[in-house]
């Protein structure tokens, strides 16, 4: 995702304001509407301002701040879905300004082992289709809590990764130790 070109960050500022207002409005209205309509499950929202948006170690915001937010739904059965968004700047001739991720999956626990199976669609509205930025991934994670530490591993796979770069596999491992 490292692309070279002229920096057009001055054109991104209005989009950042638009994202902030949209995310703030949704963050306030979606949980309230869900409560009124008695929709099963729980809704939650996040809003964040980060010094840089980095995805798997690569800057997505040209090493500049980013405004991010999400709306998530989860059900006691283990099903979940959500939408996440952030401003982006790839220095790609002013093509992509926003990333929107739509995801869904199922998570649960069997005899102390946790699991999560899901899918994520990464979209870059406004980017020229010739750039082939949009892609999807399947995701799987497994974990276990040993009380003194919890360990987990995850793998994501895309048959047609970002910018038409072909298939890609991302593997990660985690150890959480309570302090």
N, C-alpha and C. Protein backbone atom coordinates (compact mmCIF):
# COMPACT_ATOMS: atom_id res chain seq x y z
N UNK A 1 0.80 -1.19 0.00
CA UNK A 1 0.00 0.00 0.00
C UNK A 1 0.85 1.26 0.00
N UNK A 2 2.08 1.16 -0.32
CA UNK A 2 2.92 2.35 -0.38
C UNK A 2 2.91 2.84 -1.81
N UNK A 3 2.33 3.99 -2.02
CA UNK A 3 2.24 4.57 -3.35
C UNK A 3 2.91 5.93 -3.34
N UNK A 4 3.62 6.25 -4.39
CA UNK A 4 4.34 7.52 -4.47
C UNK A 4 3.53 8.52 -5.29
N UNK A 5 3.75 9.80 -5.03
CA UNK A 5 3.08 10.84 -5.79
C UNK A 5 3.05 12.12 -5.00
N UNK A 6 2.36 13.10 -5.55
CA UNK A 6 2.26 14.41 -4.91
C UNK A 6 1.36 14.33 -3.69
N UNK A 7 1.63 15.13 -2.69
CA UNK A 7 0.83 15.17 -1.48
C UNK A 7 -0.31 16.16 -1.69
N UNK A 8 -1.53 15.66 -1.60
CA UNK A 8 -2.72 16.50 -1.77
C UNK A 8 -3.50 16.59 -0.48
N UNK A 9 -2.81 16.64 0.65
CA UNK A 9 -3.49 16.60 1.95
C UNK A 9 -4.43 17.77 2.16
N UNK A 10 -4.23 18.90 1.49
CA UNK A 10 -5.12 20.04 1.68
C UNK A 10 -6.53 19.72 1.19
N UNK A 11 -6.67 18.82 0.23
CA UNK A 11 -7.99 18.44 -0.26
C UNK A 11 -8.65 17.41 0.64
N UNK A 12 -7.92 16.80 1.55
CA UNK A 12 -8.47 15.78 2.44
C UNK A 12 -9.17 16.41 3.63
N UNK A 13 -8.81 17.59 4.04
CA UNK A 13 -9.36 18.22 5.24
C UNK A 13 -10.88 18.28 5.22
N UNK A 14 -11.55 18.73 4.13
CA UNK A 14 -13.01 18.73 4.16
C UNK A 14 -13.59 17.33 4.36
N UNK A 15 -12.96 16.31 3.78
CA UNK A 15 -13.45 14.94 3.94
C UNK A 15 -13.34 14.52 5.40
N UNK A 16 -12.27 14.92 6.10
CA UNK A 16 -12.12 14.58 7.51
C UNK A 16 -13.27 15.18 8.32
N UNK A 17 -13.63 16.41 8.01
CA UNK A 17 -14.75 17.04 8.72
C UNK A 17 -16.05 16.31 8.42
N UNK A 18 -16.24 15.92 7.17
CA UNK A 18 -17.43 15.18 6.78
C UNK A 18 -17.50 13.84 7.52
N UNK A 19 -16.38 13.14 7.58
CA UNK A 19 -16.35 11.86 8.28
C UNK A 19 -16.69 12.05 9.75
N UNK A 20 -16.10 13.06 10.39
CA UNK A 20 -16.35 13.31 11.81
C UNK A 20 -17.83 13.55 12.06
N UNK A 21 -18.46 14.41 11.26
CA UNK A 21 -19.88 14.70 11.46
C UNK A 21 -20.74 13.47 11.20
N UNK A 22 -20.43 12.71 10.15
CA UNK A 22 -21.20 11.51 9.84
C UNK A 22 -21.08 10.46 10.92
N UNK A 23 -19.86 10.19 11.35
CA UNK A 23 -19.65 9.17 12.38
C UNK A 23 -20.29 9.60 13.69
N UNK A 24 -20.15 10.86 14.06
CA UNK A 24 -20.74 11.35 15.31
C UNK A 24 -22.27 11.22 15.26
N UNK A 25 -22.87 11.57 14.14
CA UNK A 25 -24.32 11.46 14.01
C UNK A 25 -24.77 10.00 14.10
N UNK A 26 -24.06 9.11 13.41
CA UNK A 26 -24.41 7.70 13.46
C UNK A 26 -24.17 7.11 14.84
N UNK A 27 -23.09 7.50 15.48
CA UNK A 27 -22.76 6.97 16.80
C UNK A 27 -23.84 7.31 17.81
N UNK A 28 -24.47 8.45 17.64
CA UNK A 28 -25.53 8.87 18.55
C UNK A 28 -26.86 8.24 18.17
N UNK A 29 -27.17 8.18 16.87
CA UNK A 29 -28.51 7.79 16.44
C UNK A 29 -28.74 6.28 16.36
N UNK A 30 -27.76 5.48 15.93
CA UNK A 30 -27.99 4.05 15.72
C UNK A 30 -28.38 3.34 17.02
N UNK A 31 -27.61 3.46 18.13
CA UNK A 31 -28.05 2.77 19.35
C UNK A 31 -29.42 3.24 19.84
N UNK A 32 -29.71 4.53 19.68
CA UNK A 32 -31.00 5.05 20.12
C UNK A 32 -32.13 4.46 19.27
N UNK A 33 -31.95 4.40 17.94
CA UNK A 33 -32.97 3.83 17.07
C UNK A 33 -33.17 2.35 17.37
N UNK A 34 -32.07 1.62 17.61
CA UNK A 34 -32.17 0.19 17.89
C UNK A 34 -32.95 -0.05 19.17
N UNK A 35 -32.73 0.77 20.19
CA UNK A 35 -33.44 0.61 21.46
C UNK A 35 -34.94 0.86 21.26
N UNK A 36 -35.27 1.88 20.45
CA UNK A 36 -36.68 2.18 20.20
C UNK A 36 -37.38 1.08 19.42
N UNK A 37 -36.67 0.44 18.51
CA UNK A 37 -37.26 -0.58 17.64
C UNK A 37 -37.18 -1.98 18.24
N UNK A 38 -36.59 -2.12 19.43
CA UNK A 38 -36.43 -3.42 20.08
C UNK A 38 -35.71 -4.43 19.17
N UNK A 39 -34.66 -4.00 18.51
CA UNK A 39 -33.86 -4.88 17.67
C UNK A 39 -33.05 -5.79 18.58
N UNK A 40 -33.07 -7.11 18.33
CA UNK A 40 -32.32 -8.01 19.21
C UNK A 40 -30.82 -7.78 19.09
N UNK A 41 -30.11 -8.01 20.16
CA UNK A 41 -28.66 -7.82 20.16
C UNK A 41 -28.28 -6.46 20.71
N UNK A 42 -26.99 -6.21 20.71
CA UNK A 42 -26.46 -4.97 21.25
C UNK A 42 -25.73 -4.18 20.17
N UNK A 43 -25.87 -2.87 20.22
CA UNK A 43 -25.15 -1.98 19.33
C UNK A 43 -24.10 -1.22 20.13
N UNK A 44 -22.98 -0.97 19.50
CA UNK A 44 -21.95 -0.14 20.11
C UNK A 44 -21.30 0.70 19.02
N UNK A 45 -20.69 1.78 19.42
CA UNK A 45 -20.02 2.67 18.47
C UNK A 45 -18.66 3.08 19.03
N UNK A 46 -17.77 3.43 18.14
CA UNK A 46 -16.48 3.99 18.54
C UNK A 46 -16.19 5.20 17.67
N UNK A 47 -15.50 6.14 18.25
CA UNK A 47 -14.97 7.29 17.52
C UNK A 47 -13.56 7.51 18.04
N UNK A 48 -12.62 7.66 17.13
CA UNK A 48 -11.24 7.85 17.55
C UNK A 48 -10.49 8.79 16.63
N UNK A 49 -9.55 9.49 17.22
CA UNK A 49 -8.65 10.34 16.46
C UNK A 49 -7.26 9.82 16.76
N UNK A 50 -6.55 9.33 15.74
CA UNK A 50 -5.24 8.72 15.94
C UNK A 50 -4.16 9.56 15.27
N UNK A 51 -2.96 9.48 15.79
CA UNK A 51 -1.85 10.27 15.24
C UNK A 51 -1.44 9.77 13.86
N UNK A 52 -1.71 8.50 13.56
CA UNK A 52 -1.44 7.93 12.24
C UNK A 52 -2.23 6.65 12.10
N UNK A 53 -2.79 6.42 10.93
CA UNK A 53 -3.48 5.16 10.66
C UNK A 53 -2.48 4.23 9.99
N UNK A 54 -2.11 3.18 10.72
CA UNK A 54 -1.18 2.18 10.23
C UNK A 54 -1.89 0.84 10.18
N UNK A 55 -1.83 0.15 9.04
CA UNK A 55 -2.47 -1.14 8.87
C UNK A 55 -1.40 -2.16 8.56
N UNK A 56 -1.22 -3.10 9.47
CA UNK A 56 -0.21 -4.14 9.32
C UNK A 56 1.18 -3.56 9.05
N UNK A 57 1.45 -2.46 9.75
CA UNK A 57 2.77 -1.86 9.71
C UNK A 57 3.00 -0.85 8.60
N UNK A 58 1.98 -0.56 7.80
CA UNK A 58 2.14 0.38 6.68
C UNK A 58 1.18 1.54 6.87
N UNK A 59 1.72 2.77 6.77
CA UNK A 59 0.89 3.96 6.96
C UNK A 59 -0.18 4.04 5.88
N UNK A 60 -1.41 4.26 6.31
CA UNK A 60 -2.54 4.45 5.39
C UNK A 60 -2.94 5.91 5.30
N UNK A 61 -2.30 6.76 6.12
CA UNK A 61 -2.68 8.18 6.18
C UNK A 61 -1.49 9.09 5.88
N UNK A 62 -0.51 8.59 5.13
CA UNK A 62 0.68 9.36 4.77
C UNK A 62 1.33 9.94 6.03
N UNK A 63 1.38 9.12 7.08
CA UNK A 63 1.97 9.49 8.37
C UNK A 63 1.31 10.72 8.99
N UNK A 64 0.04 10.94 8.68
CA UNK A 64 -0.74 12.05 9.22
C UNK A 64 -1.86 11.51 10.10
N UNK A 65 -2.49 12.38 10.90
CA UNK A 65 -3.58 11.95 11.77
C UNK A 65 -4.77 11.40 10.98
N UNK A 66 -5.58 10.60 11.65
CA UNK A 66 -6.76 10.02 11.02
C UNK A 66 -7.93 10.04 12.01
N UNK A 67 -9.10 10.21 11.46
CA UNK A 67 -10.34 10.16 12.21
C UNK A 67 -11.02 8.85 11.86
N UNK A 68 -11.39 8.05 12.88
CA UNK A 68 -11.92 6.72 12.64
C UNK A 68 -13.16 6.49 13.48
N UNK A 69 -14.03 5.62 13.00
CA UNK A 69 -15.23 5.30 13.76
C UNK A 69 -15.85 4.01 13.30
N UNK A 70 -16.68 3.43 14.17
CA UNK A 70 -17.35 2.19 13.82
C UNK A 70 -18.74 2.14 14.45
N UNK A 71 -19.56 1.30 13.85
CA UNK A 71 -20.86 0.93 14.40
C UNK A 71 -20.91 -0.58 14.35
N UNK A 72 -21.13 -1.21 15.51
CA UNK A 72 -21.09 -2.66 15.61
C UNK A 72 -22.38 -3.20 16.22
N UNK A 73 -22.77 -4.38 15.77
CA UNK A 73 -23.91 -5.10 16.32
C UNK A 73 -23.44 -6.48 16.72
N UNK A 74 -23.86 -6.95 17.87
CA UNK A 74 -23.54 -8.31 18.30
C UNK A 74 -24.77 -8.94 18.93
N UNK A 75 -24.85 -10.25 18.80
CA UNK A 75 -25.98 -11.00 19.34
C UNK A 75 -25.45 -12.04 20.31
N UNK A 76 -26.24 -12.39 21.30
CA UNK A 76 -25.84 -13.40 22.29
C UNK A 76 -25.49 -14.74 21.65
N UNK A 77 -26.01 -15.01 20.47
CA UNK A 77 -25.75 -16.27 19.78
C UNK A 77 -24.30 -16.37 19.30
N UNK A 78 -23.62 -15.22 19.19
CA UNK A 78 -22.24 -15.21 18.70
C UNK A 78 -22.08 -14.48 17.38
N UNK A 79 -23.18 -14.21 16.70
CA UNK A 79 -23.09 -13.48 15.43
C UNK A 79 -22.81 -12.01 15.69
N UNK A 80 -22.06 -11.39 14.78
CA UNK A 80 -21.77 -9.96 14.87
C UNK A 80 -21.59 -9.40 13.47
N UNK A 81 -21.73 -8.08 13.36
CA UNK A 81 -21.54 -7.38 12.09
C UNK A 81 -21.21 -5.93 12.41
N UNK A 82 -20.57 -5.26 11.47
CA UNK A 82 -20.26 -3.86 11.69
C UNK A 82 -19.71 -3.16 10.47
N UNK A 83 -19.55 -1.88 10.65
CA UNK A 83 -18.96 -1.01 9.63
C UNK A 83 -17.94 -0.14 10.33
N UNK A 84 -16.76 -0.01 9.72
CA UNK A 84 -15.67 0.80 10.27
C UNK A 84 -15.18 1.72 9.16
N UNK A 85 -14.76 2.93 9.52
CA UNK A 85 -14.26 3.85 8.51
C UNK A 85 -13.13 4.72 9.01
N UNK A 86 -12.31 5.18 8.07
CA UNK A 86 -11.20 6.06 8.38
C UNK A 86 -10.86 6.88 7.15
N UNK A 87 -10.29 8.06 7.38
CA UNK A 87 -9.72 8.77 6.24
C UNK A 87 -8.40 8.09 5.88
N UNK A 88 -8.04 8.14 4.60
CA UNK A 88 -6.77 7.57 4.12
C UNK A 88 -6.11 8.57 3.17
N UNK A 89 -4.83 8.42 2.98
CA UNK A 89 -4.07 9.22 2.02
C UNK A 89 -2.91 8.37 1.52
N UNK A 90 -3.05 7.84 0.31
CA UNK A 90 -2.02 6.99 -0.27
C UNK A 90 -1.08 7.76 -1.21
N UNK A 91 -1.25 9.08 -1.30
CA UNK A 91 -0.48 9.85 -2.30
C UNK A 91 -0.65 9.23 -3.68
N UNK A 92 -1.90 8.99 -4.03
CA UNK A 92 -2.20 8.29 -5.28
C UNK A 92 -2.86 9.21 -6.32
N UNK A 93 -2.49 10.47 -6.32
CA UNK A 93 -3.10 11.39 -7.27
C UNK A 93 -4.47 11.84 -6.81
N UNK A 94 -4.68 11.85 -5.50
CA UNK A 94 -5.92 12.34 -4.90
C UNK A 94 -7.10 11.43 -5.20
N UNK A 95 -6.88 10.15 -5.28
CA UNK A 95 -7.95 9.20 -5.59
C UNK A 95 -8.72 8.77 -4.34
N UNK A 96 -8.05 8.12 -3.41
CA UNK A 96 -8.72 7.55 -2.24
C UNK A 96 -8.61 8.50 -1.05
N UNK A 97 -9.76 8.80 -0.44
CA UNK A 97 -9.80 9.64 0.76
C UNK A 97 -10.36 8.89 1.96
N UNK A 98 -11.14 7.85 1.69
CA UNK A 98 -11.87 7.15 2.75
C UNK A 98 -11.73 5.65 2.56
N UNK A 99 -11.57 4.94 3.67
CA UNK A 99 -11.66 3.48 3.68
C UNK A 99 -12.89 3.12 4.51
N UNK A 100 -13.71 2.23 3.97
CA UNK A 100 -14.88 1.74 4.68
C UNK A 100 -14.80 0.22 4.70
N UNK A 101 -14.81 -0.36 5.89
CA UNK A 101 -14.75 -1.81 6.04
C UNK A 101 -16.10 -2.30 6.55
N UNK A 102 -16.61 -3.33 5.91
CA UNK A 102 -17.85 -3.98 6.33
C UNK A 102 -17.47 -5.40 6.72
N UNK A 103 -17.90 -5.83 7.90
CA UNK A 103 -17.47 -7.14 8.40
C UNK A 103 -18.62 -7.84 9.11
N UNK A 104 -18.51 -9.17 9.14
CA UNK A 104 -19.49 -10.00 9.84
C UNK A 104 -18.81 -11.31 10.21
N UNK A 105 -19.35 -11.96 11.22
CA UNK A 105 -18.77 -13.23 11.62
C UNK A 105 -19.52 -13.88 12.75
N UNK A 106 -18.88 -14.90 13.27
CA UNK A 106 -19.44 -15.67 14.38
C UNK A 106 -18.30 -15.99 15.33
N UNK A 107 -18.52 -15.77 16.63
CA UNK A 107 -17.50 -16.09 17.63
C UNK A 107 -18.14 -16.86 18.77
N UNK A 108 -17.31 -17.63 19.45
CA UNK A 108 -17.82 -18.41 20.57
C UNK A 108 -16.69 -19.05 21.36
N UNK A 109 -17.08 -19.97 22.22
CA UNK A 109 -16.12 -20.64 23.10
C UNK A 109 -16.54 -22.09 23.26
N UNK A 110 -15.54 -22.98 23.21
CA UNK A 110 -15.76 -24.41 23.44
C UNK A 110 -14.69 -24.89 24.41
N UNK A 111 -15.11 -25.30 25.60
CA UNK A 111 -14.21 -25.84 26.62
C UNK A 111 -12.98 -24.96 26.85
N UNK A 112 -13.21 -23.65 26.97
CA UNK A 112 -12.14 -22.70 27.26
C UNK A 112 -11.42 -22.15 26.04
N UNK A 113 -11.61 -22.76 24.87
CA UNK A 113 -11.01 -22.25 23.64
C UNK A 113 -11.98 -21.27 22.98
N UNK A 114 -11.48 -20.10 22.63
CA UNK A 114 -12.29 -19.12 21.92
C UNK A 114 -11.99 -19.22 20.43
N UNK A 115 -12.98 -18.89 19.63
CA UNK A 115 -12.81 -18.89 18.18
C UNK A 115 -13.61 -17.75 17.57
N UNK A 116 -13.19 -17.35 16.39
CA UNK A 116 -13.87 -16.30 15.64
C UNK A 116 -13.65 -16.57 14.16
N UNK A 117 -14.74 -16.67 13.42
CA UNK A 117 -14.69 -16.88 11.97
C UNK A 117 -15.46 -15.74 11.34
N UNK A 118 -14.84 -15.04 10.39
CA UNK A 118 -15.52 -13.90 9.80
C UNK A 118 -15.00 -13.54 8.44
N UNK A 119 -15.58 -12.48 7.90
CA UNK A 119 -15.19 -11.95 6.61
C UNK A 119 -15.19 -10.42 6.69
N UNK A 120 -14.30 -9.80 5.92
CA UNK A 120 -14.16 -8.35 5.92
C UNK A 120 -14.07 -7.89 4.47
N UNK A 121 -14.82 -6.85 4.12
CA UNK A 121 -14.73 -6.23 2.79
C UNK A 121 -14.17 -4.82 2.98
N UNK A 122 -13.03 -4.55 2.36
CA UNK A 122 -12.37 -3.26 2.43
C UNK A 122 -12.73 -2.48 1.17
N UNK A 123 -13.32 -1.30 1.33
CA UNK A 123 -13.77 -0.50 0.20
C UNK A 123 -13.16 0.89 0.27
N UNK A 124 -12.85 1.45 -0.89
CA UNK A 124 -12.25 2.78 -0.99
C UNK A 124 -13.10 3.62 -1.95
N UNK A 125 -14.24 4.13 -1.46
CA UNK A 125 -15.15 4.89 -2.32
C UNK A 125 -14.44 6.09 -2.95
N UNK A 126 -14.70 6.29 -4.22
CA UNK A 126 -14.12 7.43 -4.92
C UNK A 126 -12.82 7.11 -5.64
N UNK A 127 -12.17 6.03 -5.27
CA UNK A 127 -10.93 5.65 -5.95
C UNK A 127 -11.28 5.06 -7.32
N UNK A 128 -10.49 5.36 -8.31
CA UNK A 128 -10.69 4.86 -9.67
C UNK A 128 -10.68 3.33 -9.64
N UNK A 129 -11.64 2.72 -10.31
CA UNK A 129 -11.72 1.26 -10.31
C UNK A 129 -10.49 0.61 -10.94
N UNK A 130 -9.77 1.31 -11.80
CA UNK A 130 -8.54 0.77 -12.39
C UNK A 130 -7.46 0.53 -11.33
N UNK A 131 -7.55 1.24 -10.20
CA UNK A 131 -6.57 1.05 -9.13
C UNK A 131 -6.80 -0.28 -8.40
N UNK A 132 -8.01 -0.82 -8.48
CA UNK A 132 -8.34 -2.12 -7.90
C UNK A 132 -8.03 -2.18 -6.40
N UNK A 133 -8.39 -1.12 -5.66
CA UNK A 133 -8.12 -1.07 -4.23
C UNK A 133 -9.01 -2.01 -3.41
N UNK A 134 -10.30 -2.10 -3.75
CA UNK A 134 -11.24 -2.88 -2.95
C UNK A 134 -10.85 -4.36 -2.92
N UNK A 135 -11.01 -4.98 -1.75
CA UNK A 135 -10.73 -6.40 -1.62
C UNK A 135 -11.47 -6.96 -0.42
N UNK A 136 -11.49 -8.29 -0.32
CA UNK A 136 -12.11 -8.93 0.84
C UNK A 136 -11.16 -9.97 1.41
N UNK A 137 -11.41 -10.31 2.68
CA UNK A 137 -10.60 -11.31 3.39
C UNK A 137 -11.51 -12.23 4.19
N UNK A 138 -11.09 -13.46 4.31
CA UNK A 138 -11.66 -14.37 5.29
C UNK A 138 -10.76 -14.33 6.51
N UNK A 139 -11.32 -14.47 7.70
CA UNK A 139 -10.52 -14.36 8.93
C UNK A 139 -10.89 -15.48 9.90
N UNK A 140 -9.87 -16.02 10.56
CA UNK A 140 -10.06 -17.06 11.56
C UNK A 140 -9.12 -16.80 12.71
N UNK A 141 -9.62 -16.89 13.94
CA UNK A 141 -8.74 -16.78 15.11
C UNK A 141 -9.15 -17.81 16.16
N UNK A 142 -8.15 -18.27 16.89
CA UNK A 142 -8.34 -19.23 17.98
C UNK A 142 -7.55 -18.75 19.18
N UNK A 143 -8.07 -19.00 20.37
CA UNK A 143 -7.35 -18.57 21.57
C UNK A 143 -7.67 -19.42 22.78
N UNK A 144 -6.84 -19.27 23.81
CA UNK A 144 -7.06 -19.96 25.07
C UNK A 144 -6.51 -19.12 26.20
N UNK A 145 -7.25 -19.06 27.32
CA UNK A 145 -6.82 -18.29 28.49
C UNK A 145 -6.31 -19.26 29.55
N UNK A 146 -5.02 -19.15 29.86
CA UNK A 146 -4.38 -20.01 30.86
C UNK A 146 -4.39 -19.37 32.25
N UNK A 147 -5.18 -18.34 32.47
CA UNK A 147 -5.27 -17.56 33.70
C UNK A 147 -4.06 -16.64 33.90
N UNK A 148 -2.85 -17.17 33.84
CA UNK A 148 -1.67 -16.31 33.98
C UNK A 148 -1.38 -15.57 32.69
N UNK A 149 -1.86 -16.07 31.57
CA UNK A 149 -1.70 -15.44 30.26
C UNK A 149 -2.71 -16.05 29.30
N UNK A 150 -3.14 -15.24 28.35
CA UNK A 150 -4.03 -15.72 27.29
C UNK A 150 -3.25 -15.67 25.98
N UNK A 151 -3.38 -16.71 25.19
CA UNK A 151 -2.68 -16.76 23.90
C UNK A 151 -3.73 -16.91 22.79
N UNK A 152 -3.42 -16.33 21.64
CA UNK A 152 -4.30 -16.48 20.49
C UNK A 152 -3.50 -16.37 19.21
N UNK A 153 -4.07 -16.88 18.15
CA UNK A 153 -3.46 -16.81 16.82
C UNK A 153 -4.56 -16.50 15.82
N UNK A 154 -4.19 -15.79 14.77
CA UNK A 154 -5.16 -15.41 13.75
C UNK A 154 -4.54 -15.54 12.37
N UNK A 155 -5.39 -15.82 11.40
CA UNK A 155 -4.96 -15.83 10.01
C UNK A 155 -6.04 -15.18 9.15
N UNK A 156 -5.63 -14.30 8.26
CA UNK A 156 -6.52 -13.66 7.30
C UNK A 156 -6.03 -14.03 5.91
N UNK A 157 -6.97 -14.29 5.00
CA UNK A 157 -6.59 -14.65 3.64
C UNK A 157 -7.46 -13.89 2.64
N UNK A 158 -6.81 -13.35 1.59
CA UNK A 158 -7.50 -12.70 0.50
C UNK A 158 -7.01 -13.29 -0.82
N UNK A 159 -7.92 -13.71 -1.68
CA UNK A 159 -7.50 -14.24 -2.98
C UNK A 159 -7.10 -13.14 -3.97
N UNK A 160 -7.47 -11.90 -3.68
CA UNK A 160 -7.15 -10.77 -4.57
C UNK A 160 -6.96 -9.53 -3.71
N UNK A 161 -5.78 -9.40 -3.13
CA UNK A 161 -5.47 -8.35 -2.16
C UNK A 161 -5.44 -6.96 -2.80
N UNK A 162 -5.20 -5.96 -1.98
CA UNK A 162 -5.18 -4.53 -2.33
C UNK A 162 -4.43 -4.27 -3.63
N UNK A 163 -5.03 -3.44 -4.49
CA UNK A 163 -4.43 -2.98 -5.74
C UNK A 163 -4.08 -4.13 -6.69
N UNK A 164 -4.86 -5.20 -6.62
CA UNK A 164 -4.64 -6.32 -7.53
C UNK A 164 -3.32 -7.02 -7.34
N UNK A 165 -2.81 -7.02 -6.11
CA UNK A 165 -1.48 -7.59 -5.85
C UNK A 165 -1.49 -9.12 -5.71
N UNK A 166 -2.63 -9.76 -5.94
CA UNK A 166 -2.70 -11.22 -5.86
C UNK A 166 -3.15 -11.70 -4.50
N UNK A 167 -3.01 -13.01 -4.29
CA UNK A 167 -3.46 -13.56 -3.02
C UNK A 167 -2.49 -13.17 -1.90
N UNK A 168 -3.03 -13.08 -0.69
CA UNK A 168 -2.22 -12.66 0.46
C UNK A 168 -2.72 -13.36 1.71
N UNK A 169 -1.77 -13.75 2.56
CA UNK A 169 -2.09 -14.36 3.85
C UNK A 169 -1.40 -13.56 4.93
N UNK A 170 -2.14 -13.22 5.98
CA UNK A 170 -1.59 -12.49 7.12
C UNK A 170 -1.78 -13.36 8.36
N UNK A 171 -0.68 -13.65 9.03
CA UNK A 171 -0.72 -14.48 10.23
C UNK A 171 -0.25 -13.65 11.42
N UNK A 172 -0.95 -13.76 12.55
CA UNK A 172 -0.58 -13.00 13.74
C UNK A 172 -0.74 -13.87 14.98
N UNK A 173 0.09 -13.61 15.97
CA UNK A 173 0.00 -14.29 17.26
C UNK A 173 0.01 -13.27 18.38
N UNK A 174 -0.68 -13.58 19.48
CA UNK A 174 -0.83 -12.64 20.58
C UNK A 174 -0.66 -13.35 21.91
N UNK A 175 -0.08 -12.65 22.86
CA UNK A 175 0.00 -13.11 24.24
C UNK A 175 -0.44 -11.95 25.12
N UNK A 176 -1.47 -12.16 25.91
CA UNK A 176 -1.97 -11.15 26.84
C UNK A 176 -1.67 -11.59 28.25
N UNK A 177 -0.94 -10.75 28.99
CA UNK A 177 -0.60 -11.05 30.38
C UNK A 177 -1.21 -9.97 31.26
N UNK A 178 -2.10 -10.33 32.19
CA UNK A 178 -2.68 -9.33 33.08
C UNK A 178 -1.59 -8.78 34.02
N UNK A 179 -1.69 -7.49 34.29
CA UNK A 179 -0.69 -6.84 35.14
C UNK A 179 -1.25 -6.68 36.54
